[in-house]
Amino acid sequence: MTAPAAPRAVILQIGPLMPALDATLREHHEVLPAQALNAGAPLANAADAARATAVVTSAPVGVPAAWLPQLSALKVVSSFGVGLDQLPLADCRARGLPVGYTPDVLNDCVADLAMGLLLDGARRIAAADRFVRRGDWLQGRFPLATKVSGKRLGIVGLGRIGQAVARRAAGFDMDIAYTKRSPAEGVNWRHEPSLLALAQWADFLVLTVAGGADTRHLIDAGVLRALGPHGLLVNVARGSVVDQSALIACLHSGELGGAALDVFDDEPRVPQALIDMEQVVLAPHMASGTRDTRQAMADLTLANLRAGLAGEPLPSPTP
C-alpha cells in the first residue's frame, strides 16, 4: 500500500522573486502571494495567512512587522538577499522564529560592480559611450578623466563585501583605508575611526555598509563636502545610507566631484536631477544581478526554507 504524500507546506510569498524560484516554490508548496504595499496595514488574506508555516520574501521588500501577529503558524522566514533593514528581526527573535538570508554567495558580484562603477565614474566610460553615439567626437576630443591606479580608496563598512572590494582595489595598486566601529580582524588595510577624516583623505569613497536606522543618512553633506570637488562617491549599499538631497545639492554646487550609484532612496524612482547630471553614473540596483549569483541566492533561500520547515538549524541564519 502506497504511503500518503506529505502535505504541502503553505508559504506566504511577499513580493516578486526570480521566475525559477517562483516556479520551484509553486511546484513543491501551496503559495499565497502577498504584496507589501502598505506595511502598516493588515494582510488582506488574513484567514489564509494564518495557515502559512513559512514566509519567503526578498531583502528590498522584507516582512511588515504588523503582519507577524496574523502569521500564527509561522516556522521560518527565508529572505532572498542580504539586506536586513526590512526584516522585523527583533520581533522574530522574540517569537523564537528563525530568519534566513543569503550572504557570501553575492560578495564577488557586488564587489565587481562596485569596482565597475568606480572605474566608470572616474574614467567616465558611460559618458564617453554617449559622446561617441551622439557624434560629438566629430566635433572634438572627449574631456580628460581621472586616473584610478595608485589613488586613495576609502571603504565605509569593511564586511564581506567591503573586503572583496579592497582585494580588487589592491590589484590597482590603490592605497586603502576603511572605517567601521572597530578594526577588522585579519586585514592589513588601515583602520580610520573617523568617517569624516576618511572622506577628507580619500579620492574615492565606496559604501558597503548595512542599511537600517543606524546608518540612515550616514553620508551627509559634511561627508560629501569632505570628499570634495574631485572626489567620487560609489554606493552599492542601500539608498538610505546617503542623504540623497544633500548629494544632489553637493553635486550641483560642485562641492562633490561625482557619484556612481546602484541604489536610491525610492527605487525604482530616481530623481531627475541625478539623471540629468553627466558626472553621475546610474545603475538599477543590479549589483548581485548575474545568472550565477542569483541562482546561488535562490538555492540558499530554498535551503533555509527547507531547514526551517523541518525544524532544523538554518544553513544561513541572520545575525
Protein backbone atom coordinates (compact mmCIF):
# COMPACT_ATOMS: atom_id res chain seq x y z
CA MET A 1 0.00 0.00 0.00
CA THR A 2 1.44 3.39 -1.03
CA ALA A 3 2.03 5.83 1.81
CA PRO A 4 0.08 9.08 1.50
CA ALA A 5 2.04 12.05 0.19
CA ALA A 6 3.23 14.55 2.77
CA PRO A 7 1.02 17.62 2.91
CA ARG A 8 2.31 20.62 1.01
CA ALA A 9 3.56 23.45 3.21
CA VAL A 10 1.69 26.74 2.97
CA ILE A 11 4.10 29.54 2.00
CA LEU A 12 3.33 33.24 2.14
CA GLN A 13 5.36 34.86 -0.64
CA ILE A 14 5.76 38.61 -0.20
CA GLY A 15 6.56 40.41 -3.43
CA PRO A 16 8.03 39.06 -6.68
CA LEU A 17 11.00 36.71 -6.86
CA MET A 18 13.08 35.41 -9.77
CA PRO A 19 10.91 33.23 -12.05
CA ALA A 20 12.82 29.99 -11.40
CA LEU A 21 12.46 30.43 -7.64
CA ASP A 22 8.76 31.25 -8.05
CA ALA A 23 8.29 28.05 -10.07
CA THR A 24 10.11 25.86 -7.54
CA LEU A 25 8.06 27.22 -4.66
CA ARG A 26 4.81 26.56 -6.53
CA GLU A 27 5.89 23.09 -7.56
CA HIS A 28 6.51 21.92 -4.00
CA HIS A 29 4.27 24.11 -1.83
CA GLU A 30 0.97 25.92 -1.66
CA VAL A 31 1.93 29.54 -2.25
CA LEU A 32 -0.09 32.51 -1.05
CA PRO A 33 1.02 35.69 -2.83
CA ALA A 34 1.07 39.00 -0.95
CA GLN A 35 2.33 42.47 -1.77
CA ALA A 36 3.87 44.59 0.98
CA LEU A 37 2.40 47.75 -0.48
CA ASN A 38 1.25 49.22 2.81
CA ALA A 39 3.45 47.97 5.61
CA GLY A 40 1.16 49.38 8.29
CA ALA A 41 -1.98 47.66 7.02
CA PRO A 42 -3.06 44.13 7.97
CA LEU A 43 -2.86 41.29 5.49
CA ALA A 44 -5.79 41.25 3.10
CA ASN A 45 -5.92 37.44 3.06
CA ALA A 46 -5.67 37.06 6.84
CA ALA A 47 -7.61 33.77 7.02
CA ASP A 48 -5.30 32.06 4.57
CA ALA A 49 -2.21 33.67 6.07
CA ALA A 50 -2.98 32.09 9.43
CA ARG A 51 -2.24 28.73 7.76
CA ALA A 52 1.18 29.82 6.47
CA THR A 53 4.09 27.96 8.02
CA ALA A 54 6.77 29.97 6.20
CA VAL A 55 7.37 33.35 4.62
CA VAL A 56 9.58 33.78 1.57
CA THR A 57 10.48 37.35 0.72
CA SER A 58 13.35 39.46 -0.61
CA ALA A 59 15.63 41.98 1.06
CA PRO A 60 14.11 45.12 -0.56
CA VAL A 61 10.55 44.02 0.35
CA GLY A 62 11.04 42.30 3.71
CA VAL A 63 8.21 41.49 6.08
CA PRO A 64 5.96 44.16 7.63
CA ALA A 65 6.13 43.75 11.41
CA ALA A 66 2.38 44.44 11.57
CA TRP A 67 1.76 41.17 9.73
CA LEU A 68 3.55 38.88 12.18
CA PRO A 69 0.66 38.55 14.68
CA GLN A 70 -1.55 37.22 11.85
CA LEU A 71 1.04 34.59 10.93
CA SER A 72 0.40 32.40 13.94
CA ALA A 73 1.63 29.12 12.40
CA LEU A 74 4.91 30.51 11.12
CA LYS A 75 8.03 28.34 11.46
CA VAL A 76 10.58 30.25 9.36
CA VAL A 77 11.24 33.40 7.32
CA SER A 78 13.54 32.97 4.32
CA SER A 79 14.75 36.14 2.60
CA PHE A 80 16.34 36.36 -0.85
CA GLY A 81 19.15 38.89 -0.36
CA VAL A 82 21.48 40.28 2.29
CA GLY A 83 19.73 43.46 3.43
CA LEU A 84 18.20 43.16 6.89
CA ASP A 85 16.63 46.60 7.31
CA GLN A 86 13.17 45.49 6.07
CA LEU A 87 13.05 42.39 8.28
CA PRO A 88 11.48 42.61 11.78
CA LEU A 89 14.36 40.72 13.38
CA ALA A 90 13.63 41.76 16.97
CA ASP A 91 10.00 40.61 16.70
CA CYS A 92 11.09 37.33 15.12
CA ARG A 93 13.66 36.71 17.84
CA ALA A 94 11.03 37.36 20.50
CA ARG A 95 8.96 34.56 18.96
CA GLY A 96 11.96 32.27 18.53
CA LEU A 97 11.36 32.42 14.80
CA PRO A 98 14.42 31.64 12.63
CA VAL A 99 15.17 34.05 9.79
CA GLY A 100 17.43 33.08 6.88
CA TYR A 101 19.17 35.25 4.31
CA THR A 102 21.73 34.81 1.52
CA PRO A 103 25.14 36.32 2.34
CA ASP A 104 28.54 35.36 0.90
CA VAL A 105 27.22 33.97 -2.40
CA LEU A 106 26.87 37.51 -3.78
CA ASN A 107 30.06 39.09 -2.40
CA ASP A 108 32.04 38.77 -5.62
CA CYS A 109 29.38 40.17 -7.93
CA VAL A 110 28.64 43.15 -5.68
CA ALA A 111 32.36 43.90 -5.34
CA ASP A 112 32.81 43.52 -9.11
CA LEU A 113 30.08 46.08 -9.76
CA ALA A 114 31.50 48.44 -7.13
CA MET A 115 34.80 48.44 -8.99
CA GLY A 116 33.00 48.79 -12.30
CA LEU A 117 31.11 51.83 -11.03
CA LEU A 118 34.33 53.29 -9.62
CA LEU A 119 36.11 52.83 -12.94
CA ASP A 120 33.16 54.28 -14.85
CA GLY A 121 32.80 57.23 -12.51
CA ALA A 122 36.50 58.07 -12.67
CA ARG A 123 37.22 57.29 -16.34
CA ARG A 124 33.71 58.36 -17.50
CA ILE A 125 33.18 55.27 -19.64
CA ALA A 126 29.39 55.56 -19.93
CA ALA A 127 29.65 59.28 -20.63
CA ALA A 128 32.25 58.58 -23.33
CA ASP A 129 29.93 55.99 -24.88
CA ARG A 130 27.18 58.61 -25.09
CA PHE A 131 29.71 61.09 -26.52
CA VAL A 132 30.56 58.73 -29.39
CA ARG A 133 26.95 57.73 -30.06
CA ARG A 134 25.85 61.37 -30.26
CA GLY A 135 28.52 62.03 -32.87
CA ASP A 136 30.25 64.56 -30.62
CA TRP A 137 33.67 63.02 -31.32
CA LEU A 138 33.44 64.53 -34.80
CA GLN A 139 33.44 67.95 -33.16
CA GLY A 140 36.37 67.47 -30.80
CA ARG A 141 38.05 65.34 -28.16
CA PHE A 142 36.38 63.91 -25.07
CA PRO A 143 37.29 65.76 -21.83
CA LEU A 144 40.07 64.37 -19.67
CA ALA A 145 39.06 61.98 -16.89
CA THR A 146 40.59 60.79 -13.58
CA LYS A 147 43.26 58.13 -13.09
CA VAL A 148 42.31 55.16 -10.89
CA SER A 149 45.54 53.21 -10.31
CA GLY A 150 47.52 54.33 -7.28
CA LYS A 151 44.73 56.50 -5.88
CA ARG A 152 43.31 56.51 -2.33
CA LEU A 153 40.26 54.36 -1.68
CA GLY A 154 38.11 54.73 1.42
CA ILE A 155 35.64 51.95 2.25
CA VAL A 156 32.73 52.53 4.60
CA GLY A 157 31.90 49.21 6.24
CA LEU A 158 34.55 46.50 5.88
CA GLY A 159 32.38 43.40 5.99
CA ARG A 160 32.45 40.56 3.49
CA ILE A 161 31.68 42.80 0.52
CA GLY A 162 33.93 45.63 1.67
CA GLN A 163 36.86 43.23 1.96
CA ALA A 164 36.14 41.87 -1.52
CA VAL A 165 36.22 45.45 -2.86
CA ALA A 166 39.52 46.09 -1.10
CA ARG A 167 41.11 42.99 -2.60
CA ARG A 168 40.12 44.12 -6.07
CA ALA A 169 41.38 47.64 -5.43
CA ALA A 170 44.74 46.22 -4.35
CA GLY A 171 45.14 44.99 -7.90
CA PHE A 172 45.03 48.64 -8.98
CA ASP A 173 47.81 49.47 -6.50
CA MET A 174 45.41 51.66 -4.56
CA ASP A 175 46.11 52.96 -1.07
CA ILE A 176 43.24 51.50 1.00
CA ALA A 177 41.71 52.59 4.29
CA TYR A 178 38.35 51.85 5.87
CA THR A 179 36.07 52.91 8.68
CA LYS A 180 33.88 50.80 10.94
CA ARG A 181 33.13 50.68 14.65
CA SER A 182 36.24 48.65 15.45
CA PRO A 183 39.23 47.42 13.42
CA ALA A 184 38.54 44.34 11.30
CA GLU A 185 40.45 41.22 12.27
CA GLY A 186 42.94 39.62 9.91
CA VAL A 187 43.35 42.53 7.46
CA ASN A 188 46.28 44.85 6.83
CA TRP A 189 44.38 47.83 5.47
CA ARG A 190 44.40 50.96 7.62
CA HIS A 191 41.50 51.47 10.00
CA GLU A 192 40.33 55.09 10.20
CA PRO A 193 37.89 55.59 13.13
CA SER A 194 36.58 58.89 11.75
CA LEU A 195 34.30 58.79 8.70
CA LEU A 196 34.92 62.49 8.11
CA ALA A 197 38.69 62.00 8.17
CA LEU A 198 38.39 59.06 5.79
CA ALA A 199 36.35 61.17 3.35
CA GLN A 200 38.89 64.02 3.55
CA TRP A 201 41.73 61.59 2.76
CA ALA A 202 40.08 59.53 0.01
CA ASP A 203 39.88 60.10 -3.71
CA PHE A 204 37.10 57.52 -3.94
CA LEU A 205 34.65 56.56 -1.18
CA VAL A 206 32.86 53.20 -1.58
CA LEU A 207 29.86 52.38 0.59
CA THR A 208 29.33 48.73 1.55
CA VAL A 209 27.80 49.30 4.98
CA ALA A 210 24.49 47.71 6.00
CA GLY A 211 21.28 49.70 5.72
CA GLY A 212 18.84 50.41 8.53
CA ALA A 213 18.16 53.05 11.17
CA ASP A 214 21.74 53.04 12.48
CA THR A 215 23.20 54.07 9.10
CA ARG A 216 20.40 56.25 7.73
CA HIS A 217 21.97 59.37 6.14
CA LEU A 218 25.37 58.35 7.47
CA ILE A 219 26.76 60.05 4.37
CA ASP A 220 25.57 63.60 4.89
CA ALA A 221 26.53 66.97 3.44
CA GLY A 222 29.58 67.21 5.71
CA VAL A 223 30.98 63.90 4.49
CA LEU A 224 30.27 64.76 0.86
CA ARG A 225 32.00 68.14 1.15
CA ALA A 226 34.95 66.43 2.82
CA LEU A 227 35.24 64.04 -0.13
CA GLY A 228 35.45 67.19 -2.19
CA PRO A 229 35.18 68.59 -5.70
CA HIS A 230 37.46 65.92 -7.18
CA GLY A 231 36.08 63.03 -5.09
CA LEU A 232 33.82 60.21 -6.26
CA LEU A 233 31.13 58.52 -4.14
CA VAL A 234 30.27 54.90 -5.02
CA ASN A 235 27.19 53.35 -3.38
CA VAL A 236 26.44 49.63 -3.61
CA ALA A 237 24.97 49.53 -0.09
CA ARG A 238 21.49 50.99 0.45
CA GLY A 239 19.98 54.24 -0.77
CA SER A 240 19.09 55.18 2.80
CA VAL A 241 22.79 55.37 3.75
CA VAL A 242 23.14 58.61 1.74
CA ASP A 243 21.26 61.85 2.30
CA GLN A 244 20.06 62.00 -1.30
CA SER A 245 19.01 65.65 -1.15
CA ALA A 246 22.43 66.63 0.17
CA LEU A 247 24.07 64.51 -2.53
CA ILE A 248 22.16 66.29 -5.28
CA ALA A 249 22.96 69.70 -3.77
CA CYS A 250 26.70 68.94 -3.45
CA LEU A 251 26.90 67.58 -6.99
CA HIS A 252 25.03 70.58 -8.34
CA SER A 253 27.25 73.06 -6.49
CA GLY A 254 30.48 71.28 -7.45
CA GLU A 255 31.34 70.55 -3.81
CA LEU A 256 31.39 66.86 -4.78
CA GLY A 257 33.05 65.72 -7.97
CA GLY A 258 30.85 62.79 -8.93
CA ALA A 259 28.80 59.79 -7.88
CA ALA A 260 28.28 56.23 -9.12
CA LEU A 261 25.10 54.77 -7.67
CA ASP A 262 23.42 51.37 -7.74
CA VAL A 263 20.86 52.16 -5.02
CA PHE A 264 18.46 55.03 -4.31
CA ASP A 265 16.00 56.33 -1.73
CA ASP A 266 12.79 55.44 -3.53
CA GLU A 267 13.62 52.73 -6.04
CA PRO A 268 12.90 52.44 -8.91
CA ARG A 269 12.15 56.18 -8.94
CA VAL A 270 15.40 58.08 -9.46
CA PRO A 271 15.39 61.89 -9.09
CA GLN A 272 15.53 63.71 -12.40
CA ALA A 273 18.33 65.86 -11.01
CA LEU A 274 20.59 62.78 -10.82
CA ILE A 275 19.52 61.59 -14.27
CA ASP A 276 20.42 64.96 -15.77
CA MET A 277 23.96 65.12 -14.33
CA GLU A 278 26.78 63.93 -16.60
CA GLN A 279 29.10 63.37 -13.62
CA VAL A 280 26.74 60.72 -12.19
CA VAL A 281 26.69 57.04 -13.17
CA LEU A 282 23.37 55.28 -12.55
CA ALA A 283 22.63 51.55 -12.26
CA PRO A 284 19.28 49.83 -11.50
CA HIS A 285 20.19 48.05 -8.21
CA MET A 286 21.95 45.32 -10.17
CA ALA A 287 24.99 44.54 -8.01
CA SER A 288 24.04 40.89 -7.48
CA GLY A 289 22.33 40.68 -10.87
CA THR A 290 24.17 37.87 -12.61
CA ARG A 291 22.67 34.50 -13.51
CA ASP A 292 25.32 32.70 -11.46
CA THR A 293 24.80 34.68 -8.28
CA ARG A 294 21.02 34.89 -8.44
CA GLN A 295 20.85 31.09 -8.81
CA ALA A 296 23.13 30.67 -5.79
CA MET A 297 20.91 33.06 -3.83
CA ALA A 298 17.80 31.13 -4.86
CA ASP A 299 19.41 27.84 -3.81
CA LEU A 300 20.28 29.26 -0.39
CA THR A 301 16.79 30.74 0.01
CA LEU A 302 15.31 27.28 -0.59
CA ALA A 303 17.84 25.61 1.72
CA ASN A 304 16.92 27.98 4.55
CA LEU A 305 13.23 27.36 3.85
CA ARG A 306 13.59 23.56 3.89
CA ALA A 307 15.60 23.58 7.11
CA GLY A 308 13.14 25.86 8.87
CA LEU A 309 10.12 23.80 7.85
CA ALA A 310 11.90 20.67 9.12
CA GLY A 311 12.77 22.31 12.42
CA GLU A 312 16.50 22.10 11.65
CA PRO A 313 19.18 24.82 12.01
CA LEU A 314 19.24 27.15 9.05
CA PRO A 315 22.31 26.99 6.77
CA SER A 316 22.48 30.76 6.76
CA PRO A 317 20.65 32.45 9.66
CA THR A 318 20.61 36.21 10.11
CA PRO A 319 22.98 37.55 12.78
